[in-house]
Amino acid sequence: MDNQANAPCSKIKDLTQLEALLRQFGCPPDKTDVLASQLDKRAHQLASVKGKSYEASLMHLLSLMRQGWAAKDKGISTP
């Protein structure tokens, strides 16, 4: 994971901050609240199952989301 993705994750304290970060990454504004909630839930699940911290799990998920939006912006098709 890159340092850019790591720094914001350590500062996220609630879903409102996660929503703002998602908007910065390119998430459609009308989907940030639902996506933030889903990412929060999934990060907790991954942390529990994989034995990693919530922050590391969230960082991983955000990195995947950011890659997907970057590919979409470049016109690259993702499965």
PDB file of N, CA and C in Angstrom:
ATOM      1  N   MET A   1       0.835  -1.179   0.000  1.00  0.00           N
ATOM      2  CA  MET A   1       0.000   0.000   0.000  1.00  0.00           C
ATOM      3  C   MET A   1       0.882   1.246   0.000  1.00  0.00           C
ATOM      4  N   ASP A   2       0.405   2.274  -0.641  1.00  0.00           N
ATOM      5  CA  ASP A   2       1.217   3.470  -0.697  1.00  0.00           C
ATOM      6  C   ASP A   2       0.931   4.369   0.496  1.00  0.00           C
ATOM      7  N   ASN A   3       1.851   5.285   0.756  1.00  0.00           N
ATOM      8  CA  ASN A   3       1.720   6.162   1.909  1.00  0.00           C
ATOM      9  C   ASN A   3       0.544   7.114   1.779  1.00  0.00           C
ATOM     10  N   GLN A   4       0.186   7.474   0.536  1.00  0.00           N
ATOM     11  CA  GLN A   4      -0.942   8.371   0.319  1.00  0.00           C
ATOM     12  C   GLN A   4      -2.232   7.770   0.859  1.00  0.00           C
ATOM     13  N   ALA A   5      -2.442   6.494   0.616  1.00  0.00           N
ATOM     14  CA  ALA A   5      -3.663   5.844   1.091  1.00  0.00           C
ATOM     15  C   ALA A   5      -3.606   5.615   2.592  1.00  0.00           C
ATOM     16  N   ASN A   6      -2.428   5.380   3.137  1.00  0.00           N
ATOM     17  CA  ASN A   6      -2.273   5.062   4.543  1.00  0.00           C
ATOM     18  C   ASN A   6      -2.572   6.263   5.431  1.00  0.00           C
ATOM     19  N   ALA A   7      -2.076   7.424   5.095  1.00  0.00           N
ATOM     20  CA  ALA A   7      -2.242   8.599   5.940  1.00  0.00           C
ATOM     21  C   ALA A   7      -3.707   8.951   6.182  1.00  0.00           C
ATOM     22  N   PRO A   8      -4.552   9.027   5.150  1.00  0.00           N
ATOM     23  CA  PRO A   8      -5.951   9.378   5.408  1.00  0.00           C
ATOM     24  C   PRO A   8      -6.669   8.363   6.285  1.00  0.00           C
ATOM     25  N   CYS A   9      -6.355   7.088   6.138  1.00  0.00           N
ATOM     26  CA  CYS A   9      -7.050   6.048   6.906  1.00  0.00           C
ATOM     27  C   CYS A   9      -6.822   6.205   8.395  1.00  0.00           C
ATOM     28  N   SER A  10      -5.631   6.616   8.781  1.00  0.00           N
ATOM     29  CA  SER A  10      -5.334   6.737  10.199  1.00  0.00           C
ATOM     30  C   SER A  10      -6.084   7.904  10.836  1.00  0.00           C
ATOM     31  N   LYS A  11      -6.618   8.812  10.018  1.00  0.00           N
ATOM     32  CA  LYS A  11      -7.323   9.978  10.532  1.00  0.00           C
ATOM     33  C   LYS A  11      -8.835   9.817  10.514  1.00  0.00           C
ATOM     34  N   ILE A  12      -9.346   8.745   9.951  1.00  0.00           N
ATOM     35  CA  ILE A  12     -10.789   8.552   9.840  1.00  0.00           C
ATOM     36  C   ILE A  12     -11.355   8.125  11.189  1.00  0.00           C
ATOM     37  N   LYS A  13     -12.265   8.928  11.691  1.00  0.00           N
ATOM     38  CA  LYS A  13     -12.874   8.654  12.993  1.00  0.00           C
ATOM     39  C   LYS A  13     -14.356   8.317  12.883  1.00  0.00           C
ATOM     40  N   ASP A  14     -14.988   8.711  11.777  1.00  0.00           N
ATOM     41  CA  ASP A  14     -16.407   8.406  11.608  1.00  0.00           C
ATOM     42  C   ASP A  14     -16.743   8.305  10.123  1.00  0.00           C
ATOM     43  N   LEU A  15     -17.971   7.921   9.844  1.00  0.00           N
ATOM     44  CA  LEU A  15     -18.387   7.700   8.455  1.00  0.00           C
ATOM     45  C   LEU A  15     -18.397   8.991   7.636  1.00  0.00           C
ATOM     46  N   THR A  16     -18.621  10.132   8.274  1.00  0.00           N
ATOM     47  CA  THR A  16     -18.611  11.402   7.548  1.00  0.00           C
ATOM     48  C   THR A  16     -17.237  11.660   6.944  1.00  0.00           C
ATOM     49  N   GLN A  17     -16.196  11.371   7.689  1.00  0.00           N
ATOM     50  CA  GLN A  17     -14.837  11.545   7.180  1.00  0.00           C
ATOM     51  C   GLN A  17     -14.547  10.543   6.073  1.00  0.00           C
ATOM     52  N   LEU A  18     -15.050   9.337   6.213  1.00  0.00           N
ATOM     53  CA  LEU A  18     -14.865   8.324   5.178  1.00  0.00           C
ATOM     54  C   LEU A  18     -15.591   8.743   3.899  1.00  0.00           C
ATOM     55  N   GLU A  19     -16.775   9.304   4.036  1.00  0.00           N
ATOM     56  CA  GLU A  19     -17.517   9.804   2.872  1.00  0.00           C
ATOM     57  C   GLU A  19     -16.719  10.887   2.148  1.00  0.00           C
ATOM     58  N   ALA A  20     -16.127  11.806   2.896  1.00  0.00           N
ATOM     59  CA  ALA A  20     -15.333  12.881   2.287  1.00  0.00           C
ATOM     60  C   ALA A  20     -14.132  12.310   1.540  1.00  0.00           C
ATOM     61  N   LEU A  21     -13.490  11.319   2.119  1.00  0.00           N
ATOM     62  CA  LEU A  21     -12.344  10.690   1.467  1.00  0.00           C
ATOM     63  C   LEU A  21     -12.772   9.979   0.187  1.00  0.00           C
ATOM     64  N   LEU A  22     -13.902   9.315   0.227  1.00  0.00           N
ATOM     65  CA  LEU A  22     -14.408   8.634  -0.967  1.00  0.00           C
ATOM     66  C   LEU A  22     -14.693   9.630  -2.090  1.00  0.00           C
ATOM     67  N   ARG A  23     -15.247  10.782  -1.741  1.00  0.00           N
ATOM     68  CA  ARG A  23     -15.492  11.818  -2.760  1.00  0.00           C
ATOM     69  C   ARG A  23     -14.176  12.281  -3.376  1.00  0.00           C
ATOM     70  N   GLN A  24     -13.136  12.429  -2.556  1.00  0.00           N
ATOM     71  CA  GLN A  24     -11.822  12.829  -3.072  1.00  0.00           C
ATOM     72  C   GLN A  24     -11.269  11.783  -4.030  1.00  0.00           C
ATOM     73  N   PHE A  25     -11.572  10.528  -3.774  1.00  0.00           N
ATOM     74  CA  PHE A  25     -11.075   9.437  -4.614  1.00  0.00           C
ATOM     75  C   PHE A  25     -11.894   9.267  -5.887  1.00  0.00           C
ATOM     76  N   GLY A  26     -13.029   9.984  -5.996  1.00  0.00           N
ATOM     77  CA  GLY A  26     -13.814   9.914  -7.218  1.00  0.00           C
ATOM     78  C   GLY A  26     -15.147   9.208  -7.108  1.00  0.00           C
ATOM     79  N   CYS A  27     -15.555   8.872  -5.905  1.00  0.00           N
ATOM     80  CA  CYS A  27     -16.845   8.214  -5.716  1.00  0.00           C
ATOM     81  C   CYS A  27     -17.970   9.182  -6.082  1.00  0.00           C
ATOM     82  N   PRO A  28     -18.973   8.707  -6.810  1.00  0.00           N
ATOM     83  CA  PRO A  28     -20.118   9.570  -7.117  1.00  0.00           C
ATOM     84  C   PRO A  28     -20.757  10.078  -5.820  1.00  0.00           C
ATOM     85  N   PRO A  29     -20.995  11.379  -5.723  1.00  0.00           N
ATOM     86  CA  PRO A  29     -21.511  11.976  -4.487  1.00  0.00           C
ATOM     87  C   PRO A  29     -22.787  11.334  -3.955  1.00  0.00           C
ATOM     88  N   ASP A  30     -23.658  10.856  -4.840  1.00  0.00           N
ATOM     89  CA  ASP A  30     -24.914  10.265  -4.382  1.00  0.00           C
ATOM     90  C   ASP A  30     -24.739   8.857  -3.817  1.00  0.00           C
ATOM     91  N   LYS A  31     -23.535   8.320  -3.881  1.00  0.00           N
ATOM     92  CA  LYS A  31     -23.296   6.965  -3.381  1.00  0.00           C
ATOM     93  C   LYS A  31     -22.346   6.918  -2.187  1.00  0.00           C
ATOM     94  N   THR A  32     -21.813   8.060  -1.771  1.00  0.00           N
ATOM     95  CA  THR A  32     -20.791   8.038  -0.725  1.00  0.00           C
ATOM     96  C   THR A  32     -21.305   7.530   0.617  1.00  0.00           C
ATOM     97  N   ASP A  33     -22.536   7.879   0.994  1.00  0.00           N
ATOM     98  CA  ASP A  33     -23.032   7.451   2.303  1.00  0.00           C
ATOM     99  C   ASP A  33     -23.198   5.940   2.380  1.00  0.00           C
ATOM    100  N   VAL A  34     -23.774   5.349   1.347  1.00  0.00           N
ATOM    101  CA  VAL A  34     -23.975   3.895   1.329  1.00  0.00           C
ATOM    102  C   VAL A  34     -22.633   3.176   1.234  1.00  0.00           C
ATOM    103  N   LEU A  35     -21.765   3.663   0.366  1.00  0.00           N
ATOM    104  CA  LEU A  35     -20.470   3.016   0.183  1.00  0.00           C
ATOM    105  C   LEU A  35     -19.610   3.126   1.441  1.00  0.00           C
ATOM    106  N   ALA A  36     -19.649   4.266   2.105  1.00  0.00           N
ATOM    107  CA  ALA A  36     -18.887   4.435   3.343  1.00  0.00           C
ATOM    108  C   ALA A  36     -19.346   3.428   4.391  1.00  0.00           C
ATOM    109  N   SER A  37     -20.640   3.258   4.508  1.00  0.00           N
ATOM    110  CA  SER A  37     -21.186   2.295   5.463  1.00  0.00           C
ATOM    111  C   SER A  37     -20.768   0.867   5.118  1.00  0.00           C
ATOM    112  N   GLN A  38     -20.827   0.535   3.828  1.00  0.00           N
ATOM    113  CA  GLN A  38     -20.437  -0.808   3.391  1.00  0.00           C
ATOM    114  C   GLN A  38     -18.947  -1.056   3.612  1.00  0.00           C
ATOM    115  N   LEU A  39     -18.123  -0.062   3.295  1.00  0.00           N
ATOM    116  CA  LEU A  39     -16.678  -0.213   3.487  1.00  0.00           C
ATOM    117  C   LEU A  39     -16.331  -0.354   4.963  1.00  0.00           C
ATOM    118  N   ASP A  40     -16.994   0.419   5.807  1.00  0.00           N
ATOM    119  CA  ASP A  40     -16.765   0.333   7.246  1.00  0.00           C
ATOM    120  C   ASP A  40     -17.095  -1.071   7.751  1.00  0.00           C
ATOM    121  N   LYS A  41     -18.245  -1.572   7.342  1.00  0.00           N
ATOM    122  CA  LYS A  41     -18.669  -2.912   7.761  1.00  0.00           C
ATOM    123  C   LYS A  41     -17.693  -3.971   7.266  1.00  0.00           C
ATOM    124  N   ARG A  42     -17.304  -3.878   5.986  1.00  0.00           N
ATOM    125  CA  ARG A  42     -16.399  -4.873   5.407  1.00  0.00           C
ATOM    126  C   ARG A  42     -15.008  -4.789   6.034  1.00  0.00           C
ATOM    127  N   ALA A  43     -14.542  -3.594   6.343  1.00  0.00           N
ATOM    128  CA  ALA A  43     -13.230  -3.442   6.978  1.00  0.00           C
ATOM    129  C   ALA A  43     -13.222  -4.112   8.354  1.00  0.00           C
ATOM    130  N   HIS A  44     -14.316  -3.973   9.092  1.00  0.00           N
ATOM    131  CA  HIS A  44     -14.415  -4.654  10.393  1.00  0.00           C
ATOM    132  C   HIS A  44     -14.424  -6.171  10.205  1.00  0.00           C
ATOM    133  N   GLN A  45     -15.141  -6.651   9.185  1.00  0.00           N
ATOM    134  CA  GLN A  45     -15.174  -8.090   8.909  1.00  0.00           C
ATOM    135  C   GLN A  45     -13.786  -8.611   8.553  1.00  0.00           C
ATOM    136  N   LEU A  46     -13.106  -7.916   7.646  1.00  0.00           N
ATOM    137  CA  LEU A  46     -11.767  -8.347   7.238  1.00  0.00           C
ATOM    138  C   LEU A  46     -10.799  -8.337   8.412  1.00  0.00           C
ATOM    139  N   ALA A  47     -10.888  -7.313   9.227  1.00  0.00           N
ATOM    140  CA  ALA A  47     -10.010  -7.222  10.389  1.00  0.00           C
ATOM    141  C   ALA A  47     -10.204  -8.431  11.298  1.00  0.00           C
ATOM    142  N   SER A  48     -11.441  -8.815  11.499  1.00  0.00           N
ATOM    143  CA  SER A  48     -11.748  -9.955  12.358  1.00  0.00           C
ATOM    144  C   SER A  48     -11.272 -11.271  11.753  1.00  0.00           C
ATOM    145  N   VAL A  49     -11.564 -11.468  10.483  1.00  0.00           N
ATOM    146  CA  VAL A  49     -11.234 -12.732   9.815  1.00  0.00           C
ATOM    147  C   VAL A  49      -9.739 -12.879   9.575  1.00  0.00           C
ATOM    148  N   LYS A  50      -9.100 -11.806   9.136  1.00  0.00           N
ATOM    149  CA  LYS A  50      -7.684 -11.864   8.755  1.00  0.00           C
ATOM    150  C   LYS A  50      -6.744 -11.568   9.912  1.00  0.00           C
ATOM    151  N   GLY A  51      -7.279 -11.108  11.027  1.00  0.00           N
ATOM    152  CA  GLY A  51      -6.430 -10.787  12.164  1.00  0.00           C
ATOM    153  C   GLY A  51      -5.599  -9.526  11.960  1.00  0.00           C
ATOM    154  N   LYS A  52      -6.090  -8.633  11.098  1.00  0.00           N
ATOM    155  CA  LYS A  52      -5.404  -7.367  10.848  1.00  0.00           C
ATOM    156  C   LYS A  52      -6.167  -6.256  11.557  1.00  0.00           C
ATOM    157  N   SER A  53      -5.555  -5.089  11.598  1.00  0.00           N
ATOM    158  CA  SER A  53      -6.240  -3.955  12.213  1.00  0.00           C
ATOM    159  C   SER A  53      -7.345  -3.445  11.291  1.00  0.00           C
ATOM    160  N   TYR A  54      -8.286  -2.753  11.879  1.00  0.00           N
ATOM    161  CA  TYR A  54      -9.353  -2.120  11.103  1.00  0.00           C
ATOM    162  C   TYR A  54      -8.746  -1.152  10.094  1.00  0.00           C
ATOM    163  N   GLU A  55      -7.770  -0.366  10.532  1.00  0.00           N
ATOM    164  CA  GLU A  55      -7.145   0.627   9.658  1.00  0.00           C
ATOM    165  C   GLU A  55      -6.477  -0.029   8.458  1.00  0.00           C
ATOM    166  N   ALA A  56      -5.763  -1.139   8.673  1.00  0.00           N
ATOM    167  CA  ALA A  56      -5.102  -1.842   7.564  1.00  0.00           C
ATOM    168  C   ALA A  56      -6.140  -2.410   6.600  1.00  0.00           C
ATOM    169  N   SER A  57      -7.213  -2.928   7.141  1.00  0.00           N
ATOM    170  CA  SER A  57      -8.275  -3.478   6.297  1.00  0.00           C
ATOM    171  C   SER A  57      -8.954  -2.379   5.490  1.00  0.00           C
ATOM    172  N   LEU A  58      -9.229  -1.254   6.129  1.00  0.00           N
ATOM    173  CA  LEU A  58      -9.853  -0.134   5.436  1.00  0.00           C
ATOM    174  C   LEU A  58      -8.913   0.416   4.366  1.00  0.00           C
ATOM    175  N   MET A  59      -7.637   0.505   4.679  1.00  0.00           N
ATOM    176  CA  MET A  59      -6.657   0.988   3.713  1.00  0.00           C
ATOM    177  C   MET A  59      -6.646   0.097   2.476  1.00  0.00           C
ATOM    178  N   HIS A  60      -6.690  -1.198   2.687  1.00  0.00           N
ATOM    179  CA  HIS A  60      -6.707  -2.148   1.570  1.00  0.00           C
ATOM    180  C   HIS A  60      -7.952  -1.935   0.703  1.00  0.00           C
ATOM    181  N   LEU A  61      -9.098  -1.823   1.322  1.00  0.00           N
ATOM    182  CA  LEU A  61     -10.344  -1.633   0.573  1.00  0.00           C
ATOM    183  C   LEU A  61     -10.357  -0.305  -0.181  1.00  0.00           C
ATOM    184  N   LEU A  62      -9.882   0.748   0.464  1.00  0.00           N
ATOM    185  CA  LEU A  62      -9.837   2.050  -0.202  1.00  0.00           C
ATOM    186  C   LEU A  62      -8.877   2.041  -1.383  1.00  0.00           C
ATOM    187  N   SER A  63      -7.787   1.330  -1.236  1.00  0.00           N
ATOM    188  CA  SER A  63      -6.827   1.216  -2.337  1.00  0.00           C
ATOM    189  C   SER A  63      -7.474   0.540  -3.539  1.00  0.00           C
ATOM    190  N   LEU A  64      -8.238  -0.508  -3.292  1.00  0.00           N
ATOM    191  CA  LEU A  64      -8.936  -1.194  -4.381  1.00  0.00           C
ATOM    192  C   LEU A  64      -9.962  -0.280  -5.042  1.00  0.00           C
ATOM    193  N   MET A  65     -10.697   0.469  -4.230  1.00  0.00           N
ATOM    194  CA  MET A  65     -11.698   1.385  -4.775  1.00  0.00           C
ATOM    195  C   MET A  65     -11.032   2.460  -5.624  1.00  0.00           C
ATOM    196  N   ARG A  66      -9.954   3.006  -5.118  1.00  0.00           N
ATOM    197  CA  ARG A  66      -9.247   4.067  -5.835  1.00  0.00           C
ATOM    198  C   ARG A  66      -8.705   3.568  -7.164  1.00  0.00           C
ATOM    199  N   GLN A  67      -8.174   2.357  -7.175  1.00  0.00           N
ATOM    200  CA  GLN A  67      -7.674   1.768  -8.422  1.00  0.00           C
ATOM    201  C   GLN A  67      -8.805   1.614  -9.432  1.00  0.00           C
ATOM    202  N   GLY A  68      -9.959   1.192  -8.962  1.00  0.00           N
ATOM    203  CA  GLY A  68     -11.107   1.017  -9.846  1.00  0.00           C
ATOM    204  C   GLY A  68     -11.566   2.329 -10.453  1.00  0.00           C
ATOM    205  N   TRP A  69     -11.641   3.386  -9.633  1.00  0.00           N
ATOM    206  CA  TRP A  69     -12.065   4.682 -10.158  1.00  0.00           C
ATOM    207  C   TRP A  69     -11.017   5.256 -11.100  1.00  0.00           C
ATOM    208  N   ALA A  70      -9.737   5.049 -10.800  1.00  0.00           N
ATOM    209  CA  ALA A  70      -8.673   5.544 -11.682  1.00  0.00           C
ATOM    210  C   ALA A  70      -8.751   4.853 -13.036  1.00  0.00           C
ATOM    211  N   ALA A  71      -8.992   3.552 -13.020  1.00  0.00           N
ATOM    212  CA  ALA A  71      -9.109   2.803 -14.276  1.00  0.00           C
ATOM    213  C   ALA A  71     -10.325   3.283 -15.066  1.00  0.00           C
ATOM    214  N   LYS A  72     -11.411   3.524 -14.371  1.00  0.00           N
ATOM    215  CA  LYS A  72     -12.627   4.005 -15.040  1.00  0.00           C
ATOM    216  C   LYS A  72     -12.377   5.368 -15.679  1.00  0.00           C
ATOM    217  N   ASP A  73     -11.688   6.244 -14.963  1.00  0.00           N
ATOM    218  CA  ASP A  73     -11.381   7.575 -15.490  1.00  0.00           C
ATOM    219  C   ASP A  73     -10.501   7.505 -16.732  1.00  0.00           C
ATOM    220  N   LYS A  74      -9.666   6.478 -16.802  1.00  0.00           N
ATOM    221  CA  LYS A  74      -8.781   6.307 -17.958  1.00  0.00           C
ATOM    222  C   LYS A  74      -9.450   5.528 -19.080  1.00  0.00           C
ATOM    223  N   GLY A  75     -10.684   5.091 -18.846  1.00  0.00           N
ATOM    224  CA  GLY A  75     -11.405   4.341 -19.867  1.00  0.00           C
ATOM    225  C   GLY A  75     -11.034   2.876 -19.921  1.00  0.00           C
ATOM    226  N   ILE A  76     -10.411   2.377 -18.858  1.00  0.00           N
ATOM    227  CA  ILE A  76     -10.033   0.969 -18.795  1.00  0.00           C
ATOM    228  C   ILE A  76     -11.196   0.185 -18.212  1.00  0.00           C
ATOM    229  N   SER A  77     -11.581  -0.873 -18.894  1.00  0.00           N
ATOM    230  CA  SER A  77     -12.682  -1.710 -18.430  1.00  0.00           C
ATOM    231  C   SER A  77     -12.208  -2.611 -17.303  1.00  0.00           C
ATOM    232  N   THR A  78     -12.994  -2.683 -16.221  1.00  0.00           N
ATOM    233  CA  THR A  78     -12.687  -3.582 -15.116  1.00  0.00           C
ATOM    234  C   THR A  78     -13.796  -4.612 -15.006  1.00  0.00           C
ATOM    235  N   PRO A  79     -13.448  -5.831 -14.606  1.00  0.00           N
ATOM    236  CA  PRO A  79     -14.474  -6.885 -14.526  1.00  0.00           C
ATOM    237  C   PRO A  79     -15.483  -6.646 -13.434  1.00  0.00           C
TER     238      PRO A  79
END
